[in-house]
């Protein structure tokens, strides 16, 4: 039997979403811009998150920092969805919670944001992050063809792929709809 990761001891150690926004030293205006651009595209997803407001056994911890571009695009969506679903959430600043962040590495790295979902007992029932899957696929493909981070041209190449990812994010709010769909799928499959 697979053991369940329990993070009950971490509940209450983070800051509120508003404290995160107020404390941002970088990218605050861009973060607020994407927060304000959020809209519900799918009626099914909106109804699903409406229904979560009646539950008291979900908690979300978001591991992130204010300097990461993926945080600026993705955390506003996470905030909006959790607010709508009345899911208690808190932000764990990555630098202050490295031991927790290291439980949720992406390809061996501290990719952020990571949204960790727990039940009332603190058992982890799922995680989302650091990017929507179709955007993460761009980075995965890059890493597959560029495994050597010490290569002389690695930084130039990774910079180009990050620009490509930024272009995908900045082309509209479609990525937000994908995040909502991925969260819906994650929580509907694991929260019964």
C-alpha atoms as a PDB file:
ATOM      1  CA  UNK A   1       0.000   0.000   0.000  1.00  0.00           C
ATOM      2  CA  UNK A   2       1.303   3.419  -0.982  1.00  0.00           C
ATOM      3  CA  UNK A   3       1.895   5.737   1.966  1.00  0.00           C
ATOM      4  CA  UNK A   4       0.143   9.093   1.920  1.00  0.00           C
ATOM      5  CA  UNK A   5       2.086  12.309   2.352  1.00  0.00           C
ATOM      6  CA  UNK A   6       0.670  14.277   5.288  1.00  0.00           C
ATOM      7  CA  UNK A   7       1.299  18.012   5.678  1.00  0.00           C
ATOM      8  CA  UNK A   8      -1.098  18.835   8.507  1.00  0.00           C
ATOM      9  CA  UNK A   9       1.820  20.418  10.393  1.00  0.00           C
ATOM     10  CA  UNK A  10       2.185  22.979   7.557  1.00  0.00           C
ATOM     11  CA  UNK A  11      -1.424  24.184   7.655  1.00  0.00           C
ATOM     12  CA  UNK A  12      -1.466  27.687   9.087  1.00  0.00           C
ATOM     13  CA  UNK A  13       2.245  28.345   8.510  1.00  0.00           C
ATOM     14  CA  UNK A  14       1.719  30.346   5.316  1.00  0.00           C
ATOM     15  CA  UNK A  15       0.416  33.806   4.537  1.00  0.00           C
ATOM     16  CA  UNK A  16      -2.910  34.875   3.058  1.00  0.00           C
ATOM     17  CA  UNK A  17      -3.271  35.613  -0.660  1.00  0.00           C
ATOM     18  CA  UNK A  18      -3.723  39.308   0.185  1.00  0.00           C
ATOM     19  CA  UNK A  19      -0.526  39.304   2.260  1.00  0.00           C
ATOM     20  CA  UNK A  20       1.273  37.719  -0.696  1.00  0.00           C
ATOM     21  CA  UNK A  21      -0.009  40.407  -3.089  1.00  0.00           C
ATOM     22  CA  UNK A  22       0.704  43.245  -0.640  1.00  0.00           C
ATOM     23  CA  UNK A  23       4.207  41.929   0.005  1.00  0.00           C
ATOM     24  CA  UNK A  24       5.188  41.545  -3.637  1.00  0.00           C
ATOM     25  CA  UNK A  25       8.410  43.379  -4.446  1.00  0.00           C
ATOM     26  CA  UNK A  26       8.331  42.394  -8.135  1.00  0.00           C
ATOM     27  CA  UNK A  27       5.627  42.061 -10.767  1.00  0.00           C
ATOM     28  CA  UNK A  28       2.745  43.195  -8.534  1.00  0.00           C
ATOM     29  CA  UNK A  29       1.019  45.225 -11.290  1.00  0.00           C
ATOM     30  CA  UNK A  30       1.276  42.359 -13.787  1.00  0.00           C
ATOM     31  CA  UNK A  31      -0.003  39.906 -11.179  1.00  0.00           C
ATOM     32  CA  UNK A  32      -3.037  42.098 -10.441  1.00  0.00           C
ATOM     33  CA  UNK A  33      -3.611  42.560 -14.192  1.00  0.00           C
ATOM     34  CA  UNK A  34      -3.938  38.770 -14.711  1.00  0.00           C
ATOM     35  CA  UNK A  35      -6.019  38.424 -11.534  1.00  0.00           C
ATOM     36  CA  UNK A  36      -8.478  41.007 -12.887  1.00  0.00           C
ATOM     37  CA  UNK A  37      -8.574  39.403 -16.359  1.00  0.00           C
ATOM     38  CA  UNK A  38      -9.789  36.075 -15.019  1.00  0.00           C
ATOM     39  CA  UNK A  39     -13.232  34.984 -16.205  1.00  0.00           C
ATOM     40  CA  UNK A  40     -15.101  31.704 -16.029  1.00  0.00           C
ATOM     41  CA  UNK A  41     -15.205  30.245 -19.505  1.00  0.00           C
ATOM     42  CA  UNK A  42     -16.787  26.885 -18.750  1.00  0.00           C
ATOM     43  CA  UNK A  43     -20.167  26.695 -17.014  1.00  0.00           C
ATOM     44  CA  UNK A  44     -19.439  23.110 -15.959  1.00  0.00           C
ATOM     45  CA  UNK A  45     -16.225  24.134 -14.211  1.00  0.00           C
ATOM     46  CA  UNK A  46     -17.881  27.105 -12.506  1.00  0.00           C
ATOM     47  CA  UNK A  47     -20.710  24.857 -11.237  1.00  0.00           C
ATOM     48  CA  UNK A  48     -18.190  22.292  -9.992  1.00  0.00           C
ATOM     49  CA  UNK A  49     -16.269  24.891  -7.981  1.00  0.00           C
ATOM     50  CA  UNK A  50     -19.582  26.356  -6.724  1.00  0.00           C
ATOM     51  CA  UNK A  51     -20.360  22.924  -5.286  1.00  0.00           C
ATOM     52  CA  UNK A  52     -17.074  22.785  -3.394  1.00  0.00           C
ATOM     53  CA  UNK A  53     -18.209  25.674  -1.198  1.00  0.00           C
ATOM     54  CA  UNK A  54     -20.326  23.208   0.762  1.00  0.00           C
ATOM     55  CA  UNK A  55     -17.306  21.082   1.705  1.00  0.00           C
ATOM     56  CA  UNK A  56     -15.082  21.675   4.668  1.00  0.00           C
ATOM     57  CA  UNK A  57     -12.464  19.026   3.986  1.00  0.00           C
ATOM     58  CA  UNK A  58     -10.270  20.724   1.379  1.00  0.00           C
ATOM     59  CA  UNK A  59      -7.272  22.966   1.935  1.00  0.00           C
ATOM     60  CA  UNK A  60      -4.851  24.418  -0.607  1.00  0.00           C
ATOM     61  CA  UNK A  61      -1.249  25.505  -0.054  1.00  0.00           C
ATOM     62  CA  UNK A  62       0.449  27.360  -2.896  1.00  0.00           C
ATOM     63  CA  UNK A  63       4.243  27.226  -2.933  1.00  0.00           C
ATOM     64  CA  UNK A  64       5.669  30.198  -4.842  1.00  0.00           C
ATOM     65  CA  UNK A  65       7.659  33.442  -4.924  1.00  0.00           C
ATOM     66  CA  UNK A  66       6.963  36.801  -6.527  1.00  0.00           C
ATOM     67  CA  UNK A  67       9.953  36.753  -8.888  1.00  0.00           C
ATOM     68  CA  UNK A  68       8.923  33.733 -10.973  1.00  0.00           C
ATOM     69  CA  UNK A  69       7.112  34.550 -14.247  1.00  0.00           C
ATOM     70  CA  UNK A  70       4.953  31.398 -14.049  1.00  0.00           C
ATOM     71  CA  UNK A  71       3.701  32.597 -10.651  1.00  0.00           C
ATOM     72  CA  UNK A  72       2.599  35.921 -12.147  1.00  0.00           C
ATOM     73  CA  UNK A  73       0.445  34.145 -14.731  1.00  0.00           C
ATOM     74  CA  UNK A  74      -0.782  31.086 -12.824  1.00  0.00           C
ATOM     75  CA  UNK A  75      -1.271  32.099  -9.183  1.00  0.00           C
ATOM     76  CA  UNK A  76      -3.952  34.706 -10.006  1.00  0.00           C
ATOM     77  CA  UNK A  77      -5.980  31.859 -11.539  1.00  0.00           C
ATOM     78  CA  UNK A  78      -5.374  29.640  -8.515  1.00  0.00           C
ATOM     79  CA  UNK A  79      -6.466  32.472  -6.198  1.00  0.00           C
ATOM     80  CA  UNK A  80      -9.647  33.110  -8.206  1.00  0.00           C
ATOM     81  CA  UNK A  81     -10.633  29.448  -8.389  1.00  0.00           C
ATOM     82  CA  UNK A  82      -9.972  28.789  -4.689  1.00  0.00           C
ATOM     83  CA  UNK A  83     -11.887  31.946  -3.731  1.00  0.00           C
ATOM     84  CA  UNK A  84     -14.847  30.890  -5.858  1.00  0.00           C
ATOM     85  CA  UNK A  85     -14.809  27.349  -4.488  1.00  0.00           C
ATOM     86  CA  UNK A  86     -14.409  28.724  -0.945  1.00  0.00           C
ATOM     87  CA  UNK A  87     -11.391  26.462  -0.517  1.00  0.00           C
ATOM     88  CA  UNK A  88      -9.191  27.701   2.333  1.00  0.00           C
ATOM     89  CA  UNK A  89      -5.788  28.561   0.933  1.00  0.00           C
ATOM     90  CA  UNK A  90      -2.487  29.953   2.038  1.00  0.00           C
ATOM     91  CA  UNK A  91       0.766  30.838   0.335  1.00  0.00           C
ATOM     92  CA  UNK A  92       4.033  29.268   1.427  1.00  0.00           C
ATOM     93  CA  UNK A  93       6.889  31.446   0.219  1.00  0.00           C
ATOM     94  CA  UNK A  94       9.249  28.979  -1.386  1.00  0.00           C
ATOM     95  CA  UNK A  95      12.433  30.318   0.199  1.00  0.00           C
ATOM     96  CA  UNK A  96      10.924  29.927   3.677  1.00  0.00           C
ATOM     97  CA  UNK A  97       9.558  26.427   3.016  1.00  0.00           C
ATOM     98  CA  UNK A  98      12.241  24.678   0.950  1.00  0.00           C
ATOM     99  CA  UNK A  99      11.729  21.367   2.757  1.00  0.00           C
ATOM    100  CA  UNK A 100       8.090  21.378   1.622  1.00  0.00           C
ATOM    101  CA  UNK A 101       8.939  22.595  -1.876  1.00  0.00           C
ATOM    102  CA  UNK A 102      11.429  19.755  -2.230  1.00  0.00           C
ATOM    103  CA  UNK A 103       8.585  17.256  -1.799  1.00  0.00           C
ATOM    104  CA  UNK A 104       7.065  18.532  -5.062  1.00  0.00           C
ATOM    105  CA  UNK A 105       9.956  18.879  -7.515  1.00  0.00           C
ATOM    106  CA  UNK A 106       9.339  19.013 -11.258  1.00  0.00           C
ATOM    107  CA  UNK A 107      12.022  17.160 -13.224  1.00  0.00           C
ATOM    108  CA  UNK A 108      14.276  17.480 -10.183  1.00  0.00           C
ATOM    109  CA  UNK A 109      13.842  21.258  -9.980  1.00  0.00           C
ATOM    110  CA  UNK A 110      11.897  23.695  -7.847  1.00  0.00           C
ATOM    111  CA  UNK A 111       9.408  24.727 -10.519  1.00  0.00           C
ATOM    112  CA  UNK A 112       6.705  27.000  -9.185  1.00  0.00           C
ATOM    113  CA  UNK A 113       3.940  27.625  -8.437  1.00  0.00           C
ATOM    114  CA  UNK A 114       2.786  24.349  -6.953  1.00  0.00           C
ATOM    115  CA  UNK A 115      -0.737  24.103  -5.556  1.00  0.00           C
ATOM    116  CA  UNK A 116      -0.984  21.286  -3.015  1.00  0.00           C
ATOM    117  CA  UNK A 117      -4.444  20.029  -2.083  1.00  0.00           C
ATOM    118  CA  UNK A 118      -5.095  18.299   1.235  1.00  0.00           C
ATOM    119  CA  UNK A 119      -8.041  16.793   3.019  1.00  0.00           C
ATOM    120  CA  UNK A 120      -9.097  17.726   6.562  1.00  0.00           C
ATOM    121  CA  UNK A 121      -6.500  15.359   8.049  1.00  0.00           C
ATOM    122  CA  UNK A 122      -3.699  17.034   6.077  1.00  0.00           C
ATOM    123  CA  UNK A 123      -3.258  14.114   3.670  1.00  0.00           C
ATOM    124  CA  UNK A 124      -2.126  15.315   0.240  1.00  0.00           C
ATOM    125  CA  UNK A 125      -4.792  14.345  -2.291  1.00  0.00           C
ATOM    126  CA  UNK A 126      -3.224  16.044  -5.302  1.00  0.00           C
ATOM    127  CA  UNK A 127      -1.019  18.756  -6.678  1.00  0.00           C
ATOM    128  CA  UNK A 128      -1.094  21.098  -9.635  1.00  0.00           C
ATOM    129  CA  UNK A 129       1.812  22.976 -11.158  1.00  0.00           C
ATOM    130  CA  UNK A 130       3.925  24.534 -12.169  1.00  0.00           C
ATOM    131  CA  UNK A 131       2.317  25.241 -15.531  1.00  0.00           C
ATOM    132  CA  UNK A 132      -0.671  24.079 -17.575  1.00  0.00           C
ATOM    133  CA  UNK A 133       0.310  20.767 -19.179  1.00  0.00           C
ATOM    134  CA  UNK A 134       0.372  22.089 -22.745  1.00  0.00           C
ATOM    135  CA  UNK A 135       2.782  24.860 -21.726  1.00  0.00           C
ATOM    136  CA  UNK A 136       4.888  22.508 -19.594  1.00  0.00           C
ATOM    137  CA  UNK A 137       5.169  20.294 -22.671  1.00  0.00           C
ATOM    138  CA  UNK A 138       7.170  23.080 -24.381  1.00  0.00           C
ATOM    139  CA  UNK A 139       9.727  23.014 -21.540  1.00  0.00           C
ATOM    140  CA  UNK A 140       9.729  19.205 -21.403  1.00  0.00           C
ATOM    141  CA  UNK A 141      10.512  19.037 -25.121  1.00  0.00           C
ATOM    142  CA  UNK A 142      13.323  21.568 -24.688  1.00  0.00           C
ATOM    143  CA  UNK A 143      14.834  19.599 -21.799  1.00  0.00           C
ATOM    144  CA  UNK A 144      14.627  16.359 -23.750  1.00  0.00           C
ATOM    145  CA  UNK A 145      16.779  17.866 -26.512  1.00  0.00           C
ATOM    146  CA  UNK A 146      19.011  19.926 -24.187  1.00  0.00           C
ATOM    147  CA  UNK A 147      19.828  17.723 -21.184  1.00  0.00           C
ATOM    148  CA  UNK A 148      23.233  19.292 -20.462  1.00  0.00           C
ATOM    149  CA  UNK A 149      22.735  22.447 -18.414  1.00  0.00           C
ATOM    150  CA  UNK A 150      26.502  23.046 -18.550  1.00  0.00           C
ATOM    151  CA  UNK A 151      26.501  23.303 -22.354  1.00  0.00           C
ATOM    152  CA  UNK A 152      27.927  26.675 -23.538  1.00  0.00           C
ATOM    153  CA  UNK A 153      24.745  27.567 -25.440  1.00  0.00           C
ATOM    154  CA  UNK A 154      22.282  26.264 -22.837  1.00  0.00           C
ATOM    155  CA  UNK A 155      21.474  29.685 -21.331  1.00  0.00           C
ATOM    156  CA  UNK A 156      20.735  31.188 -24.761  1.00  0.00           C
ATOM    157  CA  UNK A 157      18.509  28.246 -25.656  1.00  0.00           C
ATOM    158  CA  UNK A 158      16.627  28.218 -22.341  1.00  0.00           C
ATOM    159  CA  UNK A 159      16.122  31.969 -22.640  1.00  0.00           C
ATOM    160  CA  UNK A 160      14.500  31.440 -26.058  1.00  0.00           C
ATOM    161  CA  UNK A 161      12.180  28.709 -24.770  1.00  0.00           C
ATOM    162  CA  UNK A 162      11.164  30.950 -21.850  1.00  0.00           C
ATOM    163  CA  UNK A 163      10.325  33.691 -24.348  1.00  0.00           C
ATOM    164  CA  UNK A 164       8.221  31.178 -26.279  1.00  0.00           C
ATOM    165  CA  UNK A 165       6.385  30.230 -23.073  1.00  0.00           C
ATOM    166  CA  UNK A 166       5.823  33.906 -22.207  1.00  0.00           C
ATOM    167  CA  UNK A 167       4.365  34.436 -25.681  1.00  0.00           C
ATOM    168  CA  UNK A 168       1.907  31.565 -25.122  1.00  0.00           C
ATOM    169  CA  UNK A 169       0.798  33.040 -21.787  1.00  0.00           C
ATOM    170  CA  UNK A 170       0.547  36.599 -23.104  1.00  0.00           C
ATOM    171  CA  UNK A 171      -1.495  35.646 -26.165  1.00  0.00           C
ATOM    172  CA  UNK A 172      -4.726  35.699 -24.139  1.00  0.00           C
ATOM    173  CA  UNK A 173      -6.562  34.011 -21.298  1.00  0.00           C
ATOM    174  CA  UNK A 174      -6.883  30.552 -22.877  1.00  0.00           C
ATOM    175  CA  UNK A 175      -4.249  29.209 -20.508  1.00  0.00           C
ATOM    176  CA  UNK A 176      -6.486  30.231 -17.589  1.00  0.00           C
ATOM    177  CA  UNK A 177      -9.305  28.058 -18.913  1.00  0.00           C
ATOM    178  CA  UNK A 178      -6.882  25.137 -19.188  1.00  0.00           C
ATOM    179  CA  UNK A 179      -5.787  25.593 -15.553  1.00  0.00           C
ATOM    180  CA  UNK A 180      -9.431  25.597 -14.437  1.00  0.00           C
ATOM    181  CA  UNK A 181     -10.075  22.407 -16.422  1.00  0.00           C
ATOM    182  CA  UNK A 182      -6.978  20.722 -14.984  1.00  0.00           C
ATOM    183  CA  UNK A 183      -7.976  21.694 -11.429  1.00  0.00           C
ATOM    184  CA  UNK A 184     -11.522  20.440 -12.041  1.00  0.00           C
ATOM    185  CA  UNK A 185     -10.174  17.104 -13.277  1.00  0.00           C
ATOM    186  CA  UNK A 186      -7.730  16.811 -10.369  1.00  0.00           C
ATOM    187  CA  UNK A 187     -10.240  17.612  -7.639  1.00  0.00           C
ATOM    188  CA  UNK A 188     -13.159  15.670  -9.083  1.00  0.00           C
ATOM    189  CA  UNK A 189     -11.044  12.534  -9.366  1.00  0.00           C
ATOM    190  CA  UNK A 190      -9.557  12.726  -5.869  1.00  0.00           C
ATOM    191  CA  UNK A 191     -11.878  14.516  -3.525  1.00  0.00           C
ATOM    192  CA  UNK A 192     -14.773  12.148  -2.966  1.00  0.00           C
END
